């Protein structure tokens, strides 16, 4: 039997001792620098730019506050970075001396060079006409729709839209045209909302305050009456069709011959016999 010397070993390479893993280091972001959860679209200053001046300045101010940019030099530099490259606004900023400027002075000069365009406002008569054209269908009562990012009942949405229009028209403290809007409401709502409220605010609050139990009962009753009416109308229409089909099957009535026609027939038969 083959044997190895005691000094010999099957493994000639020395076994290295196990090393403990080195701790990994991760980069810790600066807590004072935060990424904004929104996008500030670049402003160009061109007439056809879709980015509105007021919205741009508002979003830029939100960006500096969220990113905690407080030094004037950093705010001004960031403002220049948000102007569209090669645009009139970018060229204006490049010619501006911002060495010793503060942000408020830069903002003032910016508004002087690119003044905001006045938005066309709807007249009170237009708002009141739109108000009177608002409609709330019976079929939509008791349902929910998205409004301001929330699921809201349709009668509440109607009241909110009406209240928004009267506030824009600055007539919400009065009662002008309340009766017109109430007359177009479904009977289910009119049962709980009167037309003698002293202001639109109270009128709209009354619409929103209609209980869902009353609306659900009213809609159920309306649907039952509607179904019965449709059945009656369908039955009447069926009778009319049956009568028309029966009339089409009957032969046309015979027309009695006149005395002159009888005489002509006798003369024709005599002529044939003589021949």
C-alpha atoms as a PDB file:
ATOM      1  CA  UNK A   1       0.000   0.000   0.000  1.00  0.00           C
ATOM      2  CA  UNK A   2       1.323   3.374  -0.997  1.00  0.00           C
ATOM      3  CA  UNK A   3       1.754   5.818   1.857  1.00  0.00           C
ATOM      4  CA  UNK A   4       2.921   9.387   2.020  1.00  0.00           C
ATOM      5  CA  UNK A   5       5.357  10.774   4.443  1.00  0.00           C
ATOM      6  CA  UNK A   6       3.869  12.480   7.432  1.00  0.00           C
ATOM      7  CA  UNK A   7       5.434  15.771   6.368  1.00  0.00           C
ATOM      8  CA  UNK A   8       3.808  15.672   2.945  1.00  0.00           C
ATOM      9  CA  UNK A   9       0.314  17.036   2.336  1.00  0.00           C
ATOM     10  CA  UNK A  10      -2.261  16.679  -0.414  1.00  0.00           C
ATOM     11  CA  UNK A  11      -2.574  20.479  -0.561  1.00  0.00           C
ATOM     12  CA  UNK A  12       0.704  22.173  -1.138  1.00  0.00           C
ATOM     13  CA  UNK A  13      -0.711  25.742  -1.341  1.00  0.00           C
ATOM     14  CA  UNK A  14      -0.973  27.461   2.000  1.00  0.00           C
ATOM     15  CA  UNK A  15      -4.494  28.331   3.106  1.00  0.00           C
ATOM     16  CA  UNK A  16      -4.929  32.068   3.607  1.00  0.00           C
ATOM     17  CA  UNK A  17      -6.941  33.180   6.615  1.00  0.00           C
ATOM     18  CA  UNK A  18     -10.433  34.557   5.926  1.00  0.00           C
ATOM     19  CA  UNK A  19     -10.597  38.334   5.724  1.00  0.00           C
ATOM     20  CA  UNK A  20     -13.481  40.318   7.092  1.00  0.00           C
ATOM     21  CA  UNK A  21     -15.411  42.241   4.382  1.00  0.00           C
ATOM     22  CA  UNK A  22     -14.593  45.899   4.194  1.00  0.00           C
ATOM     23  CA  UNK A  23     -17.416  48.241   5.003  1.00  0.00           C
ATOM     24  CA  UNK A  24     -18.877  49.892   1.907  1.00  0.00           C
ATOM     25  CA  UNK A  25     -19.343  53.611   1.894  1.00  0.00           C
ATOM     26  CA  UNK A  26     -22.376  55.196   0.251  1.00  0.00           C
ATOM     27  CA  UNK A  27     -22.583  58.751  -0.954  1.00  0.00           C
ATOM     28  CA  UNK A  28     -24.854  60.785   1.215  1.00  0.00           C
ATOM     29  CA  UNK A  29     -26.628  63.562  -0.685  1.00  0.00           C
ATOM     30  CA  UNK A  30     -26.436  67.056   0.654  1.00  0.00           C
ATOM     31  CA  UNK A  31     -29.595  67.554   2.708  1.00  0.00           C
ATOM     32  CA  UNK A  32     -29.636  71.212   1.733  1.00  0.00           C
ATOM     33  CA  UNK A  33     -30.080  70.398  -1.999  1.00  0.00           C
ATOM     34  CA  UNK A  34     -33.438  68.901  -2.922  1.00  0.00           C
ATOM     35  CA  UNK A  35     -34.824  67.975  -6.324  1.00  0.00           C
ATOM     36  CA  UNK A  36     -38.099  69.737  -7.082  1.00  0.00           C
ATOM     37  CA  UNK A  37     -41.045  67.400  -7.751  1.00  0.00           C
ATOM     38  CA  UNK A  38     -42.173  69.568 -10.669  1.00  0.00           C
ATOM     39  CA  UNK A  39     -40.766  70.968 -13.899  1.00  0.00           C
ATOM     40  CA  UNK A  40     -40.127  74.621 -14.639  1.00  0.00           C
ATOM     41  CA  UNK A  41     -40.586  74.996 -18.383  1.00  0.00           C
ATOM     42  CA  UNK A  42     -38.139  77.338 -20.100  1.00  0.00           C
ATOM     43  CA  UNK A  43     -39.336  80.831 -20.993  1.00  0.00           C
ATOM     44  CA  UNK A  44     -38.425  82.338 -24.360  1.00  0.00           C
ATOM     45  CA  UNK A  45     -40.185  85.692 -24.508  1.00  0.00           C
ATOM     46  CA  UNK A  46     -41.369  85.003 -28.060  1.00  0.00           C
ATOM     47  CA  UNK A  47     -44.950  86.000 -28.994  1.00  0.00           C
ATOM     48  CA  UNK A  48     -45.974  82.432 -29.797  1.00  0.00           C
ATOM     49  CA  UNK A  49     -44.572  80.907 -26.613  1.00  0.00           C
ATOM     50  CA  UNK A  50     -47.008  78.606 -24.820  1.00  0.00           C
ATOM     51  CA  UNK A  51     -45.331  79.265 -21.461  1.00  0.00           C
ATOM     52  CA  UNK A  52     -47.127  82.129 -19.751  1.00  0.00           C
ATOM     53  CA  UNK A  53     -44.992  84.741 -18.022  1.00  0.00           C
ATOM     54  CA  UNK A  54     -46.910  84.735 -14.750  1.00  0.00           C
ATOM     55  CA  UNK A  55     -46.940  80.939 -14.537  1.00  0.00           C
ATOM     56  CA  UNK A  56     -43.216  80.801 -15.312  1.00  0.00           C
ATOM     57  CA  UNK A  57     -42.288  83.236 -12.525  1.00  0.00           C
ATOM     58  CA  UNK A  58     -44.577  81.499 -10.050  1.00  0.00           C
ATOM     59  CA  UNK A  59     -43.122  78.058 -10.793  1.00  0.00           C
ATOM     60  CA  UNK A  60     -39.567  79.423 -10.679  1.00  0.00           C
ATOM     61  CA  UNK A  61     -40.146  80.956  -7.242  1.00  0.00           C
ATOM     62  CA  UNK A  62     -41.575  77.632  -6.037  1.00  0.00           C
ATOM     63  CA  UNK A  63     -38.497  75.903  -7.422  1.00  0.00           C
ATOM     64  CA  UNK A  64     -36.044  78.183  -5.575  1.00  0.00           C
ATOM     65  CA  UNK A  65     -37.977  77.771  -2.325  1.00  0.00           C
ATOM     66  CA  UNK A  66     -38.159  73.979  -2.632  1.00  0.00           C
ATOM     67  CA  UNK A  67     -34.490  73.697  -3.629  1.00  0.00           C
ATOM     68  CA  UNK A  68     -33.562  76.072  -0.789  1.00  0.00           C
ATOM     69  CA  UNK A  69     -31.780  78.506  -3.077  1.00  0.00           C
ATOM     70  CA  UNK A  70     -31.565  81.703  -1.031  1.00  0.00           C
ATOM     71  CA  UNK A  71     -28.477  83.606  -2.173  1.00  0.00           C
ATOM     72  CA  UNK A  72     -29.111  86.294  -4.783  1.00  0.00           C
ATOM     73  CA  UNK A  73     -26.237  85.140  -6.980  1.00  0.00           C
ATOM     74  CA  UNK A  74     -27.530  81.542  -7.047  1.00  0.00           C
ATOM     75  CA  UNK A  75     -31.121  82.638  -7.717  1.00  0.00           C
ATOM     76  CA  UNK A  76     -30.069  84.873 -10.602  1.00  0.00           C
ATOM     77  CA  UNK A  77     -27.862  82.159 -12.123  1.00  0.00           C
ATOM     78  CA  UNK A  78     -30.670  79.597 -11.829  1.00  0.00           C
ATOM     79  CA  UNK A  79     -33.080  82.068 -13.432  1.00  0.00           C
ATOM     80  CA  UNK A  80     -30.784  82.417 -16.449  1.00  0.00           C
ATOM     81  CA  UNK A  81     -30.569  78.644 -16.743  1.00  0.00           C
ATOM     82  CA  UNK A  82     -34.360  78.462 -17.055  1.00  0.00           C
ATOM     83  CA  UNK A  83     -34.484  80.788 -20.079  1.00  0.00           C
ATOM     84  CA  UNK A  84     -34.683  79.096 -23.471  1.00  0.00           C
ATOM     85  CA  UNK A  85     -31.323  79.096 -25.237  1.00  0.00           C
ATOM     86  CA  UNK A  86     -31.002  81.641 -28.041  1.00  0.00           C
ATOM     87  CA  UNK A  87     -34.403  83.168 -27.297  1.00  0.00           C
ATOM     88  CA  UNK A  88     -35.102  86.891 -26.817  1.00  0.00           C
ATOM     89  CA  UNK A  89     -35.234  86.321 -23.069  1.00  0.00           C
ATOM     90  CA  UNK A  90     -31.873  84.528 -23.135  1.00  0.00           C
ATOM     91  CA  UNK A  91     -30.300  87.331 -25.166  1.00  0.00           C
ATOM     92  CA  UNK A  92     -31.714  89.924 -22.751  1.00  0.00           C
ATOM     93  CA  UNK A  93     -30.250  88.055 -19.802  1.00  0.00           C
ATOM     94  CA  UNK A  94     -26.853  87.779 -21.514  1.00  0.00           C
ATOM     95  CA  UNK A  95     -26.691  91.555 -21.909  1.00  0.00           C
ATOM     96  CA  UNK A  96     -27.779  92.164 -18.319  1.00  0.00           C
ATOM     97  CA  UNK A  97     -25.115  93.129 -15.784  1.00  0.00           C
ATOM     98  CA  UNK A  98     -25.757  90.737 -12.902  1.00  0.00           C
ATOM     99  CA  UNK A  99     -22.447  91.168 -11.086  1.00  0.00           C
ATOM    100  CA  UNK A 100     -23.754  93.209  -8.173  1.00  0.00           C
ATOM    101  CA  UNK A 101     -27.492  92.727  -8.757  1.00  0.00           C
ATOM    102  CA  UNK A 102     -30.059  91.359  -6.392  1.00  0.00           C
ATOM    103  CA  UNK A 103     -32.891  89.100  -7.489  1.00  0.00           C
ATOM    104  CA  UNK A 104     -35.658  91.670  -6.963  1.00  0.00           C
ATOM    105  CA  UNK A 105     -33.931  94.120  -9.326  1.00  0.00           C
ATOM    106  CA  UNK A 106     -33.485  91.396 -11.967  1.00  0.00           C
ATOM    107  CA  UNK A 107     -37.138  90.404 -11.660  1.00  0.00           C
ATOM    108  CA  UNK A 108     -38.235  94.040 -12.017  1.00  0.00           C
ATOM    109  CA  UNK A 109     -36.088  94.556 -15.129  1.00  0.00           C
ATOM    110  CA  UNK A 110     -37.373  91.275 -16.567  1.00  0.00           C
ATOM    111  CA  UNK A 111     -41.010  92.367 -16.178  1.00  0.00           C
ATOM    112  CA  UNK A 112     -40.240  95.720 -17.776  1.00  0.00           C
ATOM    113  CA  UNK A 113     -38.756  94.019 -20.833  1.00  0.00           C
ATOM    114  CA  UNK A 114     -41.372  91.254 -20.993  1.00  0.00           C
ATOM    115  CA  UNK A 115     -44.571  92.705 -19.538  1.00  0.00           C
ATOM    116  CA  UNK A 116     -47.396  90.256 -18.882  1.00  0.00           C
ATOM    117  CA  UNK A 117     -50.200  90.188 -21.447  1.00  0.00           C
ATOM    118  CA  UNK A 118     -53.579  91.114 -20.037  1.00  0.00           C
ATOM    119  CA  UNK A 119     -55.954  88.187 -20.186  1.00  0.00           C
ATOM    120  CA  UNK A 120     -59.360  88.718 -21.777  1.00  0.00           C
ATOM    121  CA  UNK A 121     -62.033  88.555 -19.094  1.00  0.00           C
ATOM    122  CA  UNK A 122     -65.575  87.405 -19.677  1.00  0.00           C
ATOM    123  CA  UNK A 123     -68.244  90.005 -19.187  1.00  0.00           C
ATOM    124  CA  UNK A 124     -70.850  89.660 -16.465  1.00  0.00           C
ATOM    125  CA  UNK A 125     -73.574  89.086 -19.054  1.00  0.00           C
ATOM    126  CA  UNK A 126     -71.583  86.200 -20.583  1.00  0.00           C
ATOM    127  CA  UNK A 127     -71.080  84.622 -17.171  1.00  0.00           C
ATOM    128  CA  UNK A 128     -74.755  85.021 -16.306  1.00  0.00           C
ATOM    129  CA  UNK A 129     -75.815  83.492 -19.633  1.00  0.00           C
ATOM    130  CA  UNK A 130     -73.518  80.514 -19.025  1.00  0.00           C
ATOM    131  CA  UNK A 131     -74.993  80.233 -15.549  1.00  0.00           C
ATOM    132  CA  UNK A 132     -78.538  80.033 -16.897  1.00  0.00           C
ATOM    133  CA  UNK A 133     -77.447  77.372 -19.402  1.00  0.00           C
ATOM    134  CA  UNK A 134     -76.213  75.011 -16.688  1.00  0.00           C
ATOM    135  CA  UNK A 135     -78.212  71.780 -16.632  1.00  0.00           C
ATOM    136  CA  UNK A 136     -78.539  68.914 -14.168  1.00  0.00           C
ATOM    137  CA  UNK A 137     -80.146  65.788 -15.653  1.00  0.00           C
ATOM    138  CA  UNK A 138     -82.333  63.473 -13.619  1.00  0.00           C
ATOM    139  CA  UNK A 139     -80.452  60.472 -15.012  1.00  0.00           C
ATOM    140  CA  UNK A 140     -77.206  61.841 -13.531  1.00  0.00           C
ATOM    141  CA  UNK A 141     -78.537  62.374 -10.019  1.00  0.00           C
ATOM    142  CA  UNK A 142     -76.991  60.102  -7.408  1.00  0.00           C
ATOM    143  CA  UNK A 143     -73.906  59.480  -9.561  1.00  0.00           C
ATOM    144  CA  UNK A 144     -70.319  60.537  -8.883  1.00  0.00           C
ATOM    145  CA  UNK A 145     -67.916  62.275 -11.227  1.00  0.00           C
ATOM    146  CA  UNK A 146     -64.359  63.532 -10.960  1.00  0.00           C
ATOM    147  CA  UNK A 147     -64.233  67.175  -9.865  1.00  0.00           C
ATOM    148  CA  UNK A 148     -61.112  68.934  -8.576  1.00  0.00           C
ATOM    149  CA  UNK A 149     -59.450  65.539  -8.314  1.00  0.00           C
ATOM    150  CA  UNK A 150     -62.140  64.014  -6.099  1.00  0.00           C
ATOM    151  CA  UNK A 151     -65.216  61.811  -6.584  1.00  0.00           C
ATOM    152  CA  UNK A 152     -68.148  64.195  -6.084  1.00  0.00           C
ATOM    153  CA  UNK A 153     -71.915  63.777  -6.504  1.00  0.00           C
ATOM    154  CA  UNK A 154     -73.303  65.488  -9.596  1.00  0.00           C
ATOM    155  CA  UNK A 155     -75.683  67.826  -7.734  1.00  0.00           C
ATOM    156  CA  UNK A 156     -72.738  69.076  -5.637  1.00  0.00           C
ATOM    157  CA  UNK A 157     -70.672  69.632  -8.802  1.00  0.00           C
ATOM    158  CA  UNK A 158     -73.568  71.600 -10.291  1.00  0.00           C
ATOM    159  CA  UNK A 159     -73.712  73.835  -7.214  1.00  0.00           C
ATOM    160  CA  UNK A 160     -69.937  74.379  -7.236  1.00  0.00           C
ATOM    161  CA  UNK A 161     -69.939  75.368 -10.910  1.00  0.00           C
ATOM    162  CA  UNK A 162     -72.849  77.752 -10.386  1.00  0.00           C
ATOM    163  CA  UNK A 163     -71.158  79.314  -7.371  1.00  0.00           C
ATOM    164  CA  UNK A 164     -67.909  79.760  -9.321  1.00  0.00           C
ATOM    165  CA  UNK A 165     -69.724  81.577 -12.131  1.00  0.00           C
ATOM    166  CA  UNK A 166     -71.637  83.929  -9.838  1.00  0.00           C
ATOM    167  CA  UNK A 167     -68.430  84.779  -7.974  1.00  0.00           C
ATOM    168  CA  UNK A 168     -66.702  85.606 -11.249  1.00  0.00           C
ATOM    169  CA  UNK A 169     -69.685  87.756 -12.206  1.00  0.00           C
ATOM    170  CA  UNK A 170     -69.612  89.279  -8.701  1.00  0.00           C
ATOM    171  CA  UNK A 171     -73.300  88.609  -8.086  1.00  0.00           C
ATOM    172  CA  UNK A 172     -72.939  85.890  -5.459  1.00  0.00           C
ATOM    173  CA  UNK A 173     -74.164  88.172  -2.674  1.00  0.00           C
ATOM    174  CA  UNK A 174     -77.439  88.864  -4.534  1.00  0.00           C
ATOM    175  CA  UNK A 175     -80.314  86.744  -5.790  1.00  0.00           C
ATOM    176  CA  UNK A 176     -80.419  87.812  -9.428  1.00  0.00           C
ATOM    177  CA  UNK A 177     -81.551  84.994 -11.795  1.00  0.00           C
ATOM    178  CA  UNK A 178     -81.875  82.378  -9.045  1.00  0.00           C
ATOM    179  CA  UNK A 179     -85.405  81.574 -10.181  1.00  0.00           C
ATOM    180  CA  UNK A 180     -84.225  80.966 -13.741  1.00  0.00           C
ATOM    181  CA  UNK A 181     -81.686  78.365 -12.672  1.00  0.00           C
ATOM    182  CA  UNK A 182     -84.100  76.745 -10.219  1.00  0.00           C
ATOM    183  CA  UNK A 183     -86.785  76.340 -12.917  1.00  0.00           C
ATOM    184  CA  UNK A 184     -84.384  74.156 -14.926  1.00  0.00           C
ATOM    185  CA  UNK A 185     -83.490  71.904 -11.997  1.00  0.00           C
ATOM    186  CA  UNK A 186     -84.957  68.383 -11.807  1.00  0.00           C
ATOM    187  CA  UNK A 187     -88.157  68.166  -9.789  1.00  0.00           C
ATOM    188  CA  UNK A 188     -86.337  65.986  -7.250  1.00  0.00           C
ATOM    189  CA  UNK A 189     -84.046  68.908  -6.362  1.00  0.00           C
ATOM    190  CA  UNK A 190     -86.731  71.585  -6.626  1.00  0.00           C
ATOM    191  CA  UNK A 191     -88.728  69.795  -3.940  1.00  0.00           C
ATOM    192  CA  UNK A 192     -86.009  70.680  -1.425  1.00  0.00           C
ATOM    193  CA  UNK A 193     -84.698  73.950  -2.858  1.00  0.00           C
ATOM    194  CA  UNK A 194     -86.821  77.080  -2.945  1.00  0.00           C
ATOM    195  CA  UNK A 195     -86.368  80.161  -5.122  1.00  0.00           C
ATOM    196  CA  UNK A 196     -86.569  82.805  -2.386  1.00  0.00           C
ATOM    197  CA  UNK A 197     -83.001  82.608  -1.077  1.00  0.00           C
ATOM    198  CA  UNK A 198     -81.410  85.970  -0.439  1.00  0.00           C
ATOM    199  CA  UNK A 199     -78.097  85.100  -2.098  1.00  0.00           C
ATOM    200  CA  UNK A 200     -76.499  82.652  -4.504  1.00  0.00           C
ATOM    201  CA  UNK A 201     -74.284  81.395  -1.715  1.00  0.00           C
ATOM    202  CA  UNK A 202     -77.308  80.198   0.257  1.00  0.00           C
ATOM    203  CA  UNK A 203     -79.009  78.842  -2.862  1.00  0.00           C
ATOM    204  CA  UNK A 204     -75.985  76.722  -3.837  1.00  0.00           C
ATOM    205  CA  UNK A 205     -75.556  75.553  -0.253  1.00  0.00           C
ATOM    206  CA  UNK A 206     -79.175  74.350  -0.290  1.00  0.00           C
ATOM    207  CA  UNK A 207     -78.538  72.327  -3.459  1.00  0.00           C
ATOM    208  CA  UNK A 208     -75.474  70.706  -1.933  1.00  0.00           C
ATOM    209  CA  UNK A 209     -77.428  70.003   1.219  1.00  0.00           C
ATOM    210  CA  UNK A 210     -80.096  67.828  -0.417  1.00  0.00           C
ATOM    211  CA  UNK A 211     -79.960  64.426   1.256  1.00  0.00           C
ATOM    212  CA  UNK A 212     -78.857  61.430  -0.792  1.00  0.00           C
ATOM    213  CA  UNK A 213     -81.761  59.368   0.541  1.00  0.00           C
ATOM    214  CA  UNK A 214     -84.226  61.837  -0.997  1.00  0.00           C
ATOM    215  CA  UNK A 215     -82.325  61.834  -4.306  1.00  0.00           C
ATOM    216  CA  UNK A 216     -82.139  58.041  -4.485  1.00  0.00           C
ATOM    217  CA  UNK A 217     -85.859  57.637  -3.730  1.00  0.00           C
ATOM    218  CA  UNK A 218     -86.723  60.288  -6.302  1.00  0.00           C
ATOM    219  CA  UNK A 219     -84.545  58.749  -9.002  1.00  0.00           C
ATOM    220  CA  UNK A 220     -86.037  55.308  -8.328  1.00  0.00           C
ATOM    221  CA  UNK A 221     -89.574  56.675  -8.626  1.00  0.00           C
ATOM    222  CA  UNK A 222     -88.668  58.593 -11.791  1.00  0.00           C
ATOM    223  CA  UNK A 223     -87.143  55.489 -13.383  1.00  0.00           C
ATOM    224  CA  UNK A 224     -90.223  53.393 -12.542  1.00  0.00           C
ATOM    225  CA  UNK A 225     -92.574  55.956 -14.086  1.00  0.00           C
ATOM    226  CA  UNK A 226     -90.325  56.261 -17.106  1.00  0.00           C
ATOM    227  CA  UNK A 227     -90.314  52.493 -17.670  1.00  0.00           C
ATOM    228  CA  UNK A 228     -94.120  52.301 -17.402  1.00  0.00           C
ATOM    229  CA  UNK A 229     -94.520  55.178 -19.833  1.00  0.00           C
ATOM    230  CA  UNK A 230     -92.202  53.505 -22.336  1.00  0.00           C
ATOM    231  CA  UNK A 231     -94.184  50.258 -22.063  1.00  0.00           C
ATOM    232  CA  UNK A 232     -97.482  52.082 -22.736  1.00  0.00           C
ATOM    233  CA  UNK A 233     -95.986  53.945 -25.691  1.00  0.00           C
ATOM    234  CA  UNK A 234     -94.569  50.685 -27.081  1.00  0.00           C
ATOM    235  CA  UNK A 235     -98.001  48.998 -26.746  1.00  0.00           C
ATOM    236  CA  UNK A 236     -99.751  51.886 -28.538  1.00  0.00           C
ATOM    237  CA  UNK A 237     -97.166  51.821 -31.306  1.00  0.00           C
ATOM    238  CA  UNK A 238     -97.703  48.072 -31.686  1.00  0.00           C
ATOM    239  CA  UNK A 239    -101.477  48.532 -32.070  1.00  0.00           C
ATOM    240  CA  UNK A 240    -100.943  51.163 -34.749  1.00  0.00           C
ATOM    241  CA  UNK A 241     -98.640  48.842 -36.690  1.00  0.00           C
ATOM    242  CA  UNK A 242    -101.152  45.970 -36.443  1.00  0.00           C
ATOM    243  CA  UNK A 243    -103.961  48.185 -37.759  1.00  0.00           C
ATOM    244  CA  UNK A 244    -101.831  49.341 -40.673  1.00  0.00           C
ATOM    245  CA  UNK A 245    -100.890  45.749 -41.584  1.00  0.00           C
ATOM    246  CA  UNK A 246    -104.572  44.657 -41.454  1.00  0.00           C
ATOM    247  CA  UNK A 247    -105.599  47.494 -43.740  1.00  0.00           C
ATOM    248  CA  UNK A 248    -102.929  46.493 -46.242  1.00  0.00           C
ATOM    249  CA  UNK A 249    -104.274  42.893 -46.431  1.00  0.00           C
ATOM    250  CA  UNK A 250    -107.938  43.889 -47.184  1.00  0.00           C
ATOM    251  CA  UNK A 251    -108.904  44.040 -50.935  1.00  0.00           C
ATOM    252  CA  UNK A 252    -109.868  47.441 -52.276  1.00  0.00           C
ATOM    253  CA  UNK A 253    -113.652  48.096 -52.268  1.00  0.00           C
ATOM    254  CA  UNK A 254    -115.552  47.582 -55.576  1.00  0.00           C
ATOM    255  CA  UNK A 255    -116.895  50.715 -57.203  1.00  0.00           C
ATOM    256  CA  UNK A 256    -120.561  50.375 -58.479  1.00  0.00           C
ATOM    257  CA  UNK A 257    -121.035  50.969 -62.191  1.00  0.00           C
ATOM    258  CA  UNK A 258    -122.892  54.049 -63.285  1.00  0.00           C
ATOM    259  CA  UNK A 259    -125.970  53.836 -65.659  1.00  0.00           C
ATOM    260  CA  UNK A 260    -123.884  55.104 -68.553  1.00  0.00           C
ATOM    261  CA  UNK A 261    -121.368  52.328 -68.017  1.00  0.00           C
ATOM    262  CA  UNK A 262    -124.157  49.705 -68.046  1.00  0.00           C
ATOM    263  CA  UNK A 263    -125.502  51.115 -71.341  1.00  0.00           C
ATOM    264  CA  UNK A 264    -122.064  50.961 -72.928  1.00  0.00           C
ATOM    265  CA  UNK A 265    -121.656  47.342 -71.853  1.00  0.00           C
ATOM    266  CA  UNK A 266    -125.066  46.408 -73.434  1.00  0.00           C
ATOM    267  CA  UNK A 267    -124.188  48.142 -76.718  1.00  0.00           C
ATOM    268  CA  UNK A 268    -120.823  46.348 -76.872  1.00  0.00           C
ATOM    269  CA  UNK A 269    -122.448  42.910 -76.329  1.00  0.00           C
ATOM    270  CA  UNK A 270    -125.121  43.583 -79.023  1.00  0.00           C
ATOM    271  CA  UNK A 271    -122.428  44.596 -81.501  1.00  0.00           C
ATOM    272  CA  UNK A 272    -120.518  41.386 -80.867  1.00  0.00           C
ATOM    273  CA  UNK A 273    -123.639  39.179 -81.454  1.00  0.00           C
ATOM    274  CA  UNK A 274    -124.576  40.949 -84.680  1.00  0.00           C
ATOM    275  CA  UNK A 275    -121.114  40.450 -85.970  1.00  0.00           C
END
